PDB file of N, CA and C in Angstrom:
ATOM      1  N   MET A   1      26.022 109.449  48.079  1.00  0.00           N
ATOM      2  CA  MET A   1      27.123 110.171  48.666  1.00  0.00           C
ATOM      3  C   MET A   1      28.422 109.464  48.308  1.00  0.00           C
ATOM      4  N   LEU A   2      29.443 110.238  47.987  1.00  0.00           N
ATOM      5  CA  LEU A   2      30.720 109.675  47.559  1.00  0.00           C
ATOM      6  C   LEU A   2      31.791 109.849  48.628  1.00  0.00           C
ATOM      7  N   LEU A   3      32.693 108.883  48.707  1.00  0.00           N
ATOM      8  CA  LEU A   3      33.780 108.868  49.671  1.00  0.00           C
ATOM      9  C   LEU A   3      35.090 108.822  48.893  1.00  0.00           C
ATOM     10  N   GLN A   4      35.977 109.835  49.075  1.00  0.00           N
ATOM     11  CA  GLN A   4      37.229 109.871  48.317  1.00  0.00           C
ATOM     12  C   GLN A   4      38.112 108.706  48.732  1.00  0.00           C
ATOM     13  N   ILE A   5      38.629 108.005  47.728  1.00  0.00           N
ATOM     14  CA  ILE A   5      39.396 106.793  47.977  1.00  0.00           C
ATOM     15  C   ILE A   5      40.826 106.895  47.467  1.00  0.00           C
ATOM     16  N   GLY A   6      41.127 107.787  46.513  1.00  0.00           N
ATOM     17  CA  GLY A   6      42.479 107.894  45.978  1.00  0.00           C
ATOM     18  C   GLY A   6      42.551 108.825  44.795  1.00  0.00           C
ATOM     19  N   ALA A   7      43.665 108.673  44.018  1.00  0.00           N
ATOM     20  CA  ALA A   7      43.887 109.542  42.860  1.00  0.00           C
ATOM     21  C   ALA A   7      44.556 108.761  41.733  1.00  0.00           C
ATOM     22  N   VAL A   8      44.305 109.182  40.510  1.00  0.00           N
ATOM     23  CA  VAL A   8      44.865 108.555  39.314  1.00  0.00           C
ATOM     24  C   VAL A   8      46.353 108.880  39.206  1.00  0.00           C
ATOM     25  N   LEU A   9      47.167 107.851  38.905  1.00  0.00           N
ATOM     26  CA  LEU A   9      48.592 108.067  38.636  1.00  0.00           C
ATOM     27  C   LEU A   9      48.846 108.121  37.131  1.00  0.00           C
ATOM     28  N   HIS A  10      48.420 107.066  36.418  1.00  0.00           N
ATOM     29  CA  HIS A  10      48.614 107.019  34.964  1.00  0.00           C
ATOM     30  C   HIS A  10      47.812 105.865  34.362  1.00  0.00           C
ATOM     31  N   PHE A  11      47.836 105.770  33.034  1.00  0.00           N
ATOM     32  CA  PHE A  11      47.242 104.652  32.307  1.00  0.00           C
ATOM     33  C   PHE A  11      48.362 103.681  31.971  1.00  0.00           C
ATOM     34  N   SER A  12      48.145 102.387  32.170  1.00  0.00           N
ATOM     35  CA  SER A  12      49.163 101.381  31.863  1.00  0.00           C
ATOM     36  C   SER A  12      49.173 101.077  30.366  1.00  0.00           C
ATOM     37  N   ALA A  13      50.164 100.299  29.938  1.00  0.00           N
ATOM     38  CA  ALA A  13      50.264  99.915  28.532  1.00  0.00           C
ATOM     39  C   ALA A  13      49.083  99.042  28.101  1.00  0.00           C
ATOM     40  N   GLN A  14      48.487  98.312  29.042  1.00  0.00           N
ATOM     41  CA  GLN A  14      47.329  97.464  28.742  1.00  0.00           C
ATOM     42  C   GLN A  14      46.023  98.255  28.714  1.00  0.00           C
ATOM     43  N   GLY A  15      46.079  99.542  29.061  1.00  0.00           N
ATOM     44  CA  GLY A  15      44.890 100.385  29.034  1.00  0.00           C
ATOM     45  C   GLY A  15      44.191 100.506  30.373  1.00  0.00           C
ATOM     46  N   HIS A  16      44.752  99.913  31.426  1.00  0.00           N
ATOM     47  CA  HIS A  16      44.157 100.025  32.759  1.00  0.00           C
ATOM     48  C   HIS A  16      44.607 101.312  33.427  1.00  0.00           C
ATOM     49  N   ILE A  17      43.801 101.790  34.346  1.00  0.00           N
ATOM     50  CA  ILE A  17      44.138 102.986  35.125  1.00  0.00           C
ATOM     51  C   ILE A  17      44.870 102.518  36.376  1.00  0.00           C
ATOM     52  N   ILE A  18      46.019 103.115  36.669  1.00  0.00           N
ATOM     53  CA  ILE A  18      46.751 102.824  37.889  1.00  0.00           C
ATOM     54  C   ILE A  18      46.521 103.987  38.839  1.00  0.00           C
ATOM     55  N   ALA A  19      46.086 103.667  40.046  1.00  0.00           N
ATOM     56  CA  ALA A  19      45.754 104.708  41.031  1.00  0.00           C
ATOM     57  C   ALA A  19      46.366 104.370  42.381  1.00  0.00           C
ATOM     58  N   ARG A  20      46.681 105.401  43.134  1.00  0.00           N
ATOM     59  CA  ARG A  20      47.141 105.237  44.518  1.00  0.00           C
ATOM     60  C   ARG A  20      45.910 105.380  45.390  1.00  0.00           C
ATOM     61  N   VAL A  21      45.646 104.382  46.226  1.00  0.00           N
ATOM     62  CA  VAL A  21      44.485 104.443  47.104  1.00  0.00           C
ATOM     63  C   VAL A  21      44.932 104.628  48.548  1.00  0.00           C
ATOM     64  N   LYS A  22      44.071 105.221  49.353  1.00  0.00           N
ATOM     65  CA  LYS A  22      44.407 105.548  50.740  1.00  0.00           C
ATOM     66  C   LYS A  22      44.367 104.350  51.668  1.00  0.00           C
ATOM     67  N   GLN A  23      43.592 103.334  51.314  1.00  0.00           N
ATOM     68  CA  GLN A  23      43.418 102.170  52.175  1.00  0.00           C
ATOM     69  C   GLN A  23      43.097 100.960  51.318  1.00  0.00           C
ATOM     70  N   ALA A  24      43.171  99.789  51.915  1.00  0.00           N
ATOM     71  CA  ALA A  24      42.809  98.576  51.191  1.00  0.00           C
ATOM     72  C   ALA A  24      41.331  98.648  50.813  1.00  0.00           C
ATOM     73  N   ILE A  25      41.025  98.181  49.624  1.00  0.00           N
ATOM     74  CA  ILE A  25      39.662  98.261  49.103  1.00  0.00           C
ATOM     75  C   ILE A  25      39.350  96.946  48.399  1.00  0.00           C
ATOM     76  N   ARG A  26      38.115  96.567  48.345  1.00  0.00           N
ATOM     77  CA  ARG A  26      37.712  95.284  47.763  1.00  0.00           C
ATOM     78  C   ARG A  26      37.822  95.276  46.236  1.00  0.00           C
ATOM     79  N   LEU A  27      38.151  94.105  45.710  1.00  0.00           N
ATOM     80  CA  LEU A  27      38.127  93.920  44.259  1.00  0.00           C
ATOM     81  C   LEU A  27      36.678  94.015  43.795  1.00  0.00           C
ATOM     82  N   GLY A  28      36.477  94.565  42.620  1.00  0.00           N
ATOM     83  CA  GLY A  28      35.123  94.705  42.084  1.00  0.00           C
ATOM     84  C   GLY A  28      34.435  95.990  42.486  1.00  0.00           C
ATOM     85  N   THR A  29      35.095  96.816  43.312  1.00  0.00           N
ATOM     86  CA  THR A  29      34.509  98.085  43.730  1.00  0.00           C
ATOM     87  C   THR A  29      34.477  99.041  42.548  1.00  0.00           C
ATOM     88  N   ARG A  30      33.363  99.712  42.359  1.00  0.00           N
ATOM     89  CA  ARG A  30      33.239 100.700  41.283  1.00  0.00           C
ATOM     90  C   ARG A  30      33.700 102.057  41.791  1.00  0.00           C
ATOM     91  N   LEU A  31      34.458 102.768  40.943  1.00  0.00           N
ATOM     92  CA  LEU A  31      34.960 104.085  41.306  1.00  0.00           C
ATOM     93  C   LEU A  31      34.380 105.145  40.386  1.00  0.00           C
ATOM     94  N   TYR A  32      34.235 106.362  40.927  1.00  0.00           N
ATOM     95  CA  TYR A  32      33.572 107.459  40.231  1.00  0.00           C
ATOM     96  C   TYR A  32      34.432 108.722  40.255  1.00  0.00           C
ATOM     97  N   THR A  33      34.092 109.692  39.384  1.00  0.00           N
ATOM     98  CA  THR A  33      34.741 110.999  39.386  1.00  0.00           C
ATOM     99  C   THR A  33      34.003 111.918  40.350  1.00  0.00           C
ATOM    100  N   THR A  34      34.468 113.165  40.452  1.00  0.00           N
ATOM    101  CA  THR A  34      33.816 114.133  41.334  1.00  0.00           C
ATOM    102  C   THR A  34      32.395 114.431  40.886  1.00  0.00           C
ATOM    103  N   LYS A  35      32.100 114.241  39.603  1.00  0.00           N
ATOM    104  CA  LYS A  35      30.761 114.497  39.069  1.00  0.00           C
ATOM    105  C   LYS A  35      29.907 113.234  39.010  1.00  0.00           C
ATOM    106  N   SER A  36      30.275 112.215  39.791  1.00  0.00           N
ATOM    107  CA  SER A  36      29.554 110.939  39.884  1.00  0.00           C
ATOM    108  C   SER A  36      29.504 110.165  38.572  1.00  0.00           C
ATOM    109  N   LYS A  37      30.501 110.356  37.710  1.00  0.00           N
ATOM    110  CA  LYS A  37      30.591 109.613  36.460  1.00  0.00           C
ATOM    111  C   LYS A  37      31.397 108.339  36.725  1.00  0.00           C
ATOM    112  N   LEU A  38      30.874 107.198  36.297  1.00  0.00           N
ATOM    113  CA  LEU A  38      31.542 105.923  36.530  1.00  0.00           C
ATOM    114  C   LEU A  38      32.872 105.874  35.776  1.00  0.00           C
ATOM    115  N   VAL A  39      33.954 105.596  36.500  1.00  0.00           N
ATOM    116  CA  VAL A  39      35.293 105.495  35.909  1.00  0.00           C
ATOM    117  C   VAL A  39      35.580 104.060  35.519  1.00  0.00           C
ATOM    118  N   GLY A  40      35.378 103.140  36.453  1.00  0.00           N
ATOM    119  CA  GLY A  40      35.658 101.740  36.174  1.00  0.00           C
ATOM    120  C   GLY A  40      35.578 100.892  37.428  1.00  0.00           C
ATOM    121  N   THR A  41      36.105  99.650  37.323  1.00  0.00           N
ATOM    122  CA  THR A  41      36.033  98.672  38.392  1.00  0.00           C
ATOM    123  C   THR A  41      37.434  98.213  38.772  1.00  0.00           C
ATOM    124  N   ILE A  42      37.695  98.077  40.069  1.00  0.00           N
ATOM    125  CA  ILE A  42      39.001  97.625  40.546  1.00  0.00           C
ATOM    126  C   ILE A  42      39.170  96.148  40.218  1.00  0.00           C
ATOM    127  N   ILE A  43      40.289  95.812  39.536  1.00  0.00           N
ATOM    128  CA  ILE A  43      40.541  94.418  39.169  1.00  0.00           C
ATOM    129  C   ILE A  43      41.766  93.846  39.874  1.00  0.00           C
ATOM    130  N   ASP A  44      42.626  94.711  40.459  1.00  0.00           N
ATOM    131  CA  ASP A  44      43.814  94.219  41.147  1.00  0.00           C
ATOM    132  C   ASP A  44      44.284  95.250  42.166  1.00  0.00           C
ATOM    133  N   ILE A  45      44.837  94.748  43.261  1.00  0.00           N
ATOM    134  CA  ILE A  45      45.432  95.587  44.304  1.00  0.00           C
ATOM    135  C   ILE A  45      46.860  95.096  44.478  1.00  0.00           C
ATOM    136  N   PHE A  46      47.824  96.014  44.548  1.00  0.00           N
ATOM    137  CA  PHE A  46      49.219  95.604  44.733  1.00  0.00           C
ATOM    138  C   PHE A  46      49.991  96.705  45.444  1.00  0.00           C
ATOM    139  N   GLY A  47      51.178  96.365  45.929  1.00  0.00           N
ATOM    140  CA  GLY A  47      52.010  97.334  46.620  1.00  0.00           C
ATOM    141  C   GLY A  47      51.933  97.188  48.123  1.00  0.00           C
ATOM    142  N   PRO A  48      52.469  98.173  48.860  1.00  0.00           N
ATOM    143  CA  PRO A  48      52.496  98.078  50.319  1.00  0.00           C
ATOM    144  C   PRO A  48      51.094  98.147  50.932  1.00  0.00           C
ATOM    145  N   ILE A  49      50.926  97.468  52.037  1.00  0.00           N
ATOM    146  CA  ILE A  49      49.617  97.414  52.696  1.00  0.00           C
ATOM    147  C   ILE A  49      49.184  98.785  53.201  1.00  0.00           C
ATOM    148  N   SER A  50      50.139  99.576  53.670  1.00  0.00           N
ATOM    149  CA  SER A  50      49.790 100.872  54.249  1.00  0.00           C
ATOM    150  C   SER A  50      49.252 101.864  53.224  1.00  0.00           C
ATOM    151  N   ARG A  51      49.688 101.772  51.985  1.00  0.00           N
ATOM    152  CA  ARG A  51      49.220 102.681  50.937  1.00  0.00           C
ATOM    153  C   ARG A  51      49.316 101.981  49.575  1.00  0.00           C
ATOM    154  N   PRO A  52      48.362 101.113  49.262  1.00  0.00           N
ATOM    155  CA  PRO A  52      48.438 100.289  48.053  1.00  0.00           C
ATOM    156  C   PRO A  52      48.093 101.029  46.756  1.00  0.00           C
ATOM    157  N   PHE A  53      48.395 100.353  45.663  1.00  0.00           N
ATOM    158  CA  PHE A  53      48.014 100.794  44.330  1.00  0.00           C
ATOM    159  C   PHE A  53      46.838  99.943  43.886  1.00  0.00           C
ATOM    160  N   ALA A  54      46.044 100.464  42.975  1.00  0.00           N
ATOM    161  CA  ALA A  54      44.913  99.714  42.419  1.00  0.00           C
ATOM    162  C   ALA A  54      44.971  99.788  40.900  1.00  0.00           C
ATOM    163  N   SER A  55      44.670  98.673  40.264  1.00  0.00           N
ATOM    164  CA  SER A  55      44.532  98.624  38.815  1.00  0.00           C
ATOM    165  C   SER A  55      43.040  98.618  38.522  1.00  0.00           C
ATOM    166  N   ILE A  56      42.610  99.539  37.679  1.00  0.00           N
ATOM    167  CA  ILE A  56      41.183  99.738  37.414  1.00  0.00           C
ATOM    168  C   ILE A  56      40.898  99.505  35.936  1.00  0.00           C
ATOM    169  N   LYS A  57      39.911  98.669  35.656  1.00  0.00           N
ATOM    170  CA  LYS A  57      39.473  98.456  34.277  1.00  0.00           C
ATOM    171  C   LYS A  57      38.509  99.583  33.937  1.00  0.00           C
ATOM    172  N   PRO A  58      38.895 100.482  33.023  1.00  0.00           N
ATOM    173  CA  PRO A  58      38.037 101.644  32.743  1.00  0.00           C
ATOM    174  C   PRO A  58      36.812 101.298  31.901  1.00  0.00           C
ATOM    175  N   GLU A  59      35.790 102.111  32.046  1.00  0.00           N
ATOM    176  CA  GLU A  59      34.611 102.022  31.192  1.00  0.00           C
ATOM    177  C   GLU A  59      35.013 102.449  29.785  1.00  0.00           C
ATOM    178  N   SER A  60      34.233 102.104  28.783  1.00  0.00           N
ATOM    179  CA  SER A  60      34.592 102.354  27.389  1.00  0.00           C
ATOM    180  C   SER A  60      34.746 103.841  27.051  1.00  0.00           C
ATOM    181  N   GLN A  61      34.002 104.735  27.717  1.00  0.00           N
ATOM    182  CA  GLN A  61      34.059 106.157  27.395  1.00  0.00           C
ATOM    183  C   GLN A  61      35.209 106.878  28.096  1.00  0.00           C
ATOM    184  N   ILE A  62      35.918 106.220  29.013  1.00  0.00           N
ATOM    185  CA  ILE A  62      37.010 106.841  29.742  1.00  0.00           C
ATOM    186  C   ILE A  62      38.297 106.760  28.921  1.00  0.00           C
ATOM    187  N   THR A  63      38.922 107.924  28.695  1.00  0.00           N
ATOM    188  CA  THR A  63      40.178 107.991  27.949  1.00  0.00           C
ATOM    189  C   THR A  63      41.215 108.739  28.772  1.00  0.00           C
ATOM    190  N   VAL A  64      42.448 108.758  28.262  1.00  0.00           N
ATOM    191  CA  VAL A  64      43.533 109.471  28.940  1.00  0.00           C
ATOM    192  C   VAL A  64      43.199 110.957  29.058  1.00  0.00           C
ATOM    193  N   ASP A  65      42.587 111.517  28.029  1.00  0.00           N
ATOM    194  CA  ASP A  65      42.247 112.942  28.032  1.00  0.00           C
ATOM    195  C   ASP A  65      41.111 113.269  29.007  1.00  0.00           C
ATOM    196  N   SER A  66      40.176 112.351  29.188  1.00  0.00           N
ATOM    197  CA  SER A  66      39.034 112.632  30.061  1.00  0.00           C
ATOM    198  C   SER A  66      39.353 112.424  31.542  1.00  0.00           C
ATOM    199  N   LEU A  67      40.466 111.740  31.843  1.00  0.00           N
ATOM    200  CA  LEU A  67      40.834 111.461  33.232  1.00  0.00           C
ATOM    201  C   LEU A  67      42.344 111.669  33.409  1.00  0.00           C
ATOM    202  N   PRO A  68      42.780 112.932  33.548  1.00  0.00           N
ATOM    203  CA  PRO A  68      44.215 113.218  33.660  1.00  0.00           C
ATOM    204  C   PRO A  68      44.804 112.739  34.989  1.00  0.00           C
ATOM    205  N   PRO A  69      46.133 112.544  35.049  1.00  0.00           N
ATOM    206  CA  PRO A  69      46.784 112.159  36.309  1.00  0.00           C
ATOM    207  C   PRO A  69      46.479 113.176  37.412  1.00  0.00           C
ATOM    208  N   GLY A  70      46.264 112.678  38.617  1.00  0.00           N
ATOM    209  CA  GLY A  70      45.930 113.534  39.748  1.00  0.00           C
ATOM    210  C   GLY A  70      44.438 113.671  39.992  1.00  0.00           C
ATOM    211  N   SER A  71      43.624 113.162  39.079  1.00  0.00           N
ATOM    212  CA  SER A  71      42.166 113.230  39.256  1.00  0.00           C
ATOM    213  C   SER A  71      41.750 112.391  40.457  1.00  0.00           C
ATOM    214  N   ALA A  72      40.872 112.936  41.278  1.00  0.00           N
ATOM    215  CA  ALA A  72      40.390 112.226  42.460  1.00  0.00           C
ATOM    216  C   ALA A  72      39.413 111.130  42.063  1.00  0.00           C
ATOM    217  N   LEU A  73      39.470 110.022  42.793  1.00  0.00           N
ATOM    218  CA  LEU A  73      38.559 108.904  42.582  1.00  0.00           C
ATOM    219  C   LEU A  73      37.727 108.700  43.840  1.00  0.00           C
ATOM    220  N   PHE A  74      36.464 108.355  43.641  1.00  0.00           N
ATOM    221  CA  PHE A  74      35.536 108.221  44.747  1.00  0.00           C
ATOM    222  C   PHE A  74      34.825 106.881  44.698  1.00  0.00           C
ATOM    223  N   GLN A  75      34.428 106.400  45.882  1.00  0.00           N
ATOM    224  CA  GLN A  75      33.651 105.184  46.023  1.00  0.00           C
ATOM    225  C   GLN A  75      32.268 105.592  46.517  1.00  0.00           C
ATOM    226  N   ALA A  76      31.232 104.943  46.015  1.00  0.00           N
ATOM    227  CA  ALA A  76      29.878 105.225  46.500  1.00  0.00           C
ATOM    228  C   ALA A  76      29.757 104.709  47.918  1.00  0.00           C
ATOM    229  N   LYS A  77      29.295 105.544  48.816  1.00  0.00           N
ATOM    230  CA  LYS A  77      29.140 105.155  50.210  1.00  0.00           C
ATOM    231  C   LYS A  77      27.932 104.236  50.332  1.00  0.00           C
ATOM    232  N   ALA A  78      28.096 103.161  51.075  1.00  0.00           N
ATOM    233  CA  ALA A  78      27.019 102.185  51.239  1.00  0.00           C
ATOM    234  C   ALA A  78      25.853 102.802  52.004  1.00  0.00           C
ATOM    235  N   LYS A  79      24.657 102.465  51.605  1.00  0.00           N
ATOM    236  CA  LYS A  79      23.466 102.946  52.293  1.00  0.00           C
ATOM    237  C   LYS A  79      23.281 102.155  53.572  1.00  0.00           C
ATOM    238  N   SER A  80      22.890 102.846  54.620  1.00  0.00           N
ATOM    239  CA  SER A  80      22.639 102.147  55.881  1.00  0.00           C
ATOM    240  C   SER A  80      21.273 101.483  55.828  1.00  0.00           C
ATOM    241  N   ARG A  81      21.107 100.470  56.623  1.00  0.00           N
ATOM    242  CA  ARG A  81      19.851  99.729  56.634  1.00  0.00           C
ATOM    243  C   ARG A  81      18.797 100.355  57.535  1.00  0.00           C
ATOM    244  N   GLY A  82      19.133 101.406  58.216  1.00  0.00           N
ATOM    245  CA  GLY A  82      18.149 102.085  59.042  1.00  0.00           C
ATOM    246  C   GLY A  82      17.925 101.448  60.395  1.00  0.00           C
ATOM    247  N   GLY A  83      18.819 100.562  60.817  1.00  0.00           N
ATOM    248  CA  GLY A  83      18.715  99.969  62.137  1.00  0.00           C
ATOM    249  C   GLY A  83      17.686  98.867  62.266  1.00  0.00           C
ATOM    250  N   ARG A  84      17.117  98.441  61.188  1.00  0.00           N
ATOM    251  CA  ARG A  84      16.119  97.370  61.259  1.00  0.00           C
ATOM    252  C   ARG A  84      16.818  96.029  61.424  1.00  0.00           C
ATOM    253  N   SER A  85      16.227  95.184  62.199  1.00  0.00           N
ATOM    254  CA  SER A  85      16.768  93.839  62.369  1.00  0.00           C
ATOM    255  C   SER A  85      15.759  92.833  61.832  1.00  0.00           C
ATOM    256  N   LYS A  86      16.256  91.643  61.567  1.00  0.00           N
ATOM    257  CA  LYS A  86      15.364  90.607  61.076  1.00  0.00           C
ATOM    258  C   LYS A  86      14.450  90.131  62.203  1.00  0.00           C
ATOM    259  N   ARG A  87      13.274  89.723  61.828  1.00  0.00           N
ATOM    260  CA  ARG A  87      12.318  89.225  62.809  1.00  0.00           C
ATOM    261  C   ARG A  87      12.717  87.808  63.220  1.00  0.00           C
ATOM    262  N   ARG A  88      12.687  87.554  64.497  1.00  0.00           N
ATOM    263  CA  ARG A  88      13.031  86.217  64.985  1.00  0.00           C
ATOM    264  C   ARG A  88      11.927  85.226  64.669  1.00  0.00           C
ATOM    265  N   LYS A  89      12.350  84.052  64.311  1.00  0.00           N
ATOM    266  CA  LYS A  89      11.377  82.973  64.077  1.00  0.00           C
ATOM    267  C   LYS A  89      11.053  82.305  65.401  1.00  0.00           C
ATOM    268  N   LYS A  90       9.794  81.898  65.554  1.00  0.00           N
ATOM    269  CA  LYS A  90       9.380  81.235  66.795  1.00  0.00           C
ATOM    270  C   LYS A  90       9.437  79.747  66.661  1.00  0.00           C
TER     271      LYS A  90
END
């Protein structure tokens, strides 16, 4: 299941994707398109805390044409553990 996290603004001169994200997000988080295609990994967060920007290192197959500005970006939702707890040692 995917959770919408932000949208693409543009590609930087270094080839990174610059995106506006809705909330603070961890470095190293992988982002996906609406069709669950891997876009890249977050390498930097900058800007205001309330609505930061993210710099994303794109995968090799991602180009400017395949990911136009305004494209939604998604994060894979973490799987729950099912409420199981560790067994106590005696």
